[in-house]
Amino acid sequence: LTDVYSSSPALGRYFRSAQVVYFSNENSTVFYQLEFSVPPSTAEFMENTMNPDFIRNVLRQNIYDED
């Protein structure tokens, strides 16, 4: 995750760290925490760039690009 988000053109400058919070071998579930350092933000910045869907889609796109 660190490589994905730190190299992202959209999120790389804001990304600080990623850590696994929970991992289950039983059903291959991982919960992780991402830390971003954002500038004094506007509502638009938070709604668009820091939108959870947008952040997930950066990871999805990276996975698709590797296939």
C-alpha atoms as a PDB file:
ATOM      1  CA  LEU A   1       0.000   0.000   0.000  1.00  0.00           C
ATOM      2  CA  THR A   2       2.814   2.368   0.784  1.00  0.00           C
ATOM      3  CA  ASP A   3       4.163   2.129  -2.763  1.00  0.00           C
ATOM      4  CA  VAL A   4       0.692   2.478  -4.296  1.00  0.00           C
ATOM      5  CA  TYR A   5      -0.271   5.618  -2.441  1.00  0.00           C
ATOM      6  CA  SER A   6       3.135   7.306  -2.276  1.00  0.00           C
ATOM      7  CA  SER A   7       3.505   7.016  -6.064  1.00  0.00           C
ATOM      8  CA  SER A   8      -0.052   8.123  -6.836  1.00  0.00           C
ATOM      9  CA  PRO A   9      -0.141  11.374  -8.830  1.00  0.00           C
ATOM     10  CA  ALA A  10      -3.347  12.387  -7.037  1.00  0.00           C
ATOM     11  CA  LEU A  11      -2.504  11.325  -3.471  1.00  0.00           C
ATOM     12  CA  GLY A  12       1.289  10.897  -3.271  1.00  0.00           C
ATOM     13  CA  ARG A  13       2.031  14.362  -1.906  1.00  0.00           C
ATOM     14  CA  TYR A  14      -0.491  13.857   0.918  1.00  0.00           C
ATOM     15  CA  PHE A  15       0.240  10.229   1.814  1.00  0.00           C
ATOM     16  CA  ARG A  16       2.195   9.581   5.024  1.00  0.00           C
ATOM     17  CA  SER A  17       1.763   5.946   6.089  1.00  0.00           C
ATOM     18  CA  ALA A  18      -0.233   2.720   5.945  1.00  0.00           C
ATOM     19  CA  GLN A  19      -0.539   0.094   8.634  1.00  0.00           C
ATOM     20  CA  VAL A  20      -2.460  -3.142   9.005  1.00  0.00           C
ATOM     21  CA  VAL A  21      -4.975  -2.885  11.831  1.00  0.00           C
ATOM     22  CA  TYR A  22      -6.463  -6.376  11.503  1.00  0.00           C
ATOM     23  CA  PHE A  23      -5.654  -9.432   9.394  1.00  0.00           C
ATOM     24  CA  SER A  24      -7.588 -12.688   9.131  1.00  0.00           C
ATOM     25  CA  ASN A  25      -6.219 -15.746   7.336  1.00  0.00           C
ATOM     26  CA  GLU A  26      -9.604 -17.399   7.713  1.00  0.00           C
ATOM     27  CA  ASN A  27     -11.376 -15.241   5.133  1.00  0.00           C
ATOM     28  CA  SER A  28      -8.480 -13.173   3.722  1.00  0.00           C
ATOM     29  CA  THR A  29      -9.711  -9.957   5.302  1.00  0.00           C
ATOM     30  CA  VAL A  30      -7.405  -7.036   5.976  1.00  0.00           C
ATOM     31  CA  PHE A  31      -8.316  -3.772   7.656  1.00  0.00           C
ATOM     32  CA  TYR A  32      -5.740  -1.063   7.271  1.00  0.00           C
ATOM     33  CA  GLN A  33      -5.334   2.528   8.315  1.00  0.00           C
ATOM     34  CA  LEU A  34      -4.053   5.122   5.884  1.00  0.00           C
ATOM     35  CA  GLU A  35      -2.622   8.387   7.126  1.00  0.00           C
ATOM     36  CA  PHE A  36      -2.648  11.501   4.986  1.00  0.00           C
ATOM     37  CA  SER A  37      -1.340  14.949   5.792  1.00  0.00           C
ATOM     38  CA  VAL A  38      -3.656  17.385   4.105  1.00  0.00           C
ATOM     39  CA  PRO A  39      -3.246  21.126   3.751  1.00  0.00           C
ATOM     40  CA  PRO A  40      -5.782  23.488   5.263  1.00  0.00           C
ATOM     41  CA  SER A  41      -8.604  22.154   3.213  1.00  0.00           C
ATOM     42  CA  THR A  42     -11.651  23.363   1.478  1.00  0.00           C
ATOM     43  CA  ALA A  43     -14.886  21.417   1.451  1.00  0.00           C
ATOM     44  CA  GLU A  44     -14.285  20.600  -2.225  1.00  0.00           C
ATOM     45  CA  PHE A  45     -10.845  19.119  -1.508  1.00  0.00           C
ATOM     46  CA  MET A  46     -12.211  16.871   1.230  1.00  0.00           C
ATOM     47  CA  GLU A  47     -15.257  15.830  -0.813  1.00  0.00           C
ATOM     48  CA  ASN A  48     -13.218  14.967  -3.898  1.00  0.00           C
ATOM     49  CA  THR A  49      -9.588  14.106  -3.174  1.00  0.00           C
ATOM     50  CA  MET A  50     -10.047  12.690   0.322  1.00  0.00           C
ATOM     51  CA  ASN A  51     -13.286  10.937  -0.578  1.00  0.00           C
ATOM     52  CA  PRO A  52     -13.114   7.285   0.602  1.00  0.00           C
ATOM     53  CA  ASP A  53     -14.368   6.074  -2.793  1.00  0.00           C
ATOM     54  CA  PHE A  54     -11.630   8.003  -4.588  1.00  0.00           C
ATOM     55  CA  ILE A  55      -8.970   6.612  -2.248  1.00  0.00           C
ATOM     56  CA  ARG A  56     -10.249   3.033  -2.788  1.00  0.00           C
ATOM     57  CA  ASN A  57     -10.292   3.574  -6.544  1.00  0.00           C
ATOM     58  CA  VAL A  58      -6.609   4.547  -6.546  1.00  0.00           C
ATOM     59  CA  LEU A  59      -5.869   1.103  -5.083  1.00  0.00           C
ATOM     60  CA  ARG A  60      -8.273  -0.633  -7.477  1.00  0.00           C
ATOM     61  CA  GLN A  61      -6.681   1.050 -10.483  1.00  0.00           C
ATOM     62  CA  ASN A  62      -3.247  -0.061  -9.333  1.00  0.00           C
ATOM     63  CA  ILE A  63      -4.468  -3.658  -9.043  1.00  0.00           C
ATOM     64  CA  TYR A  64      -6.033  -3.527 -12.519  1.00  0.00           C
ATOM     65  CA  ASP A  65      -2.870  -2.023 -13.982  1.00  0.00           C
ATOM     66  CA  GLU A  66      -0.810  -4.932 -12.622  1.00  0.00           C
ATOM     67  CA  ASP A  67      -3.053  -7.489 -14.342  1.00  0.00           C
END
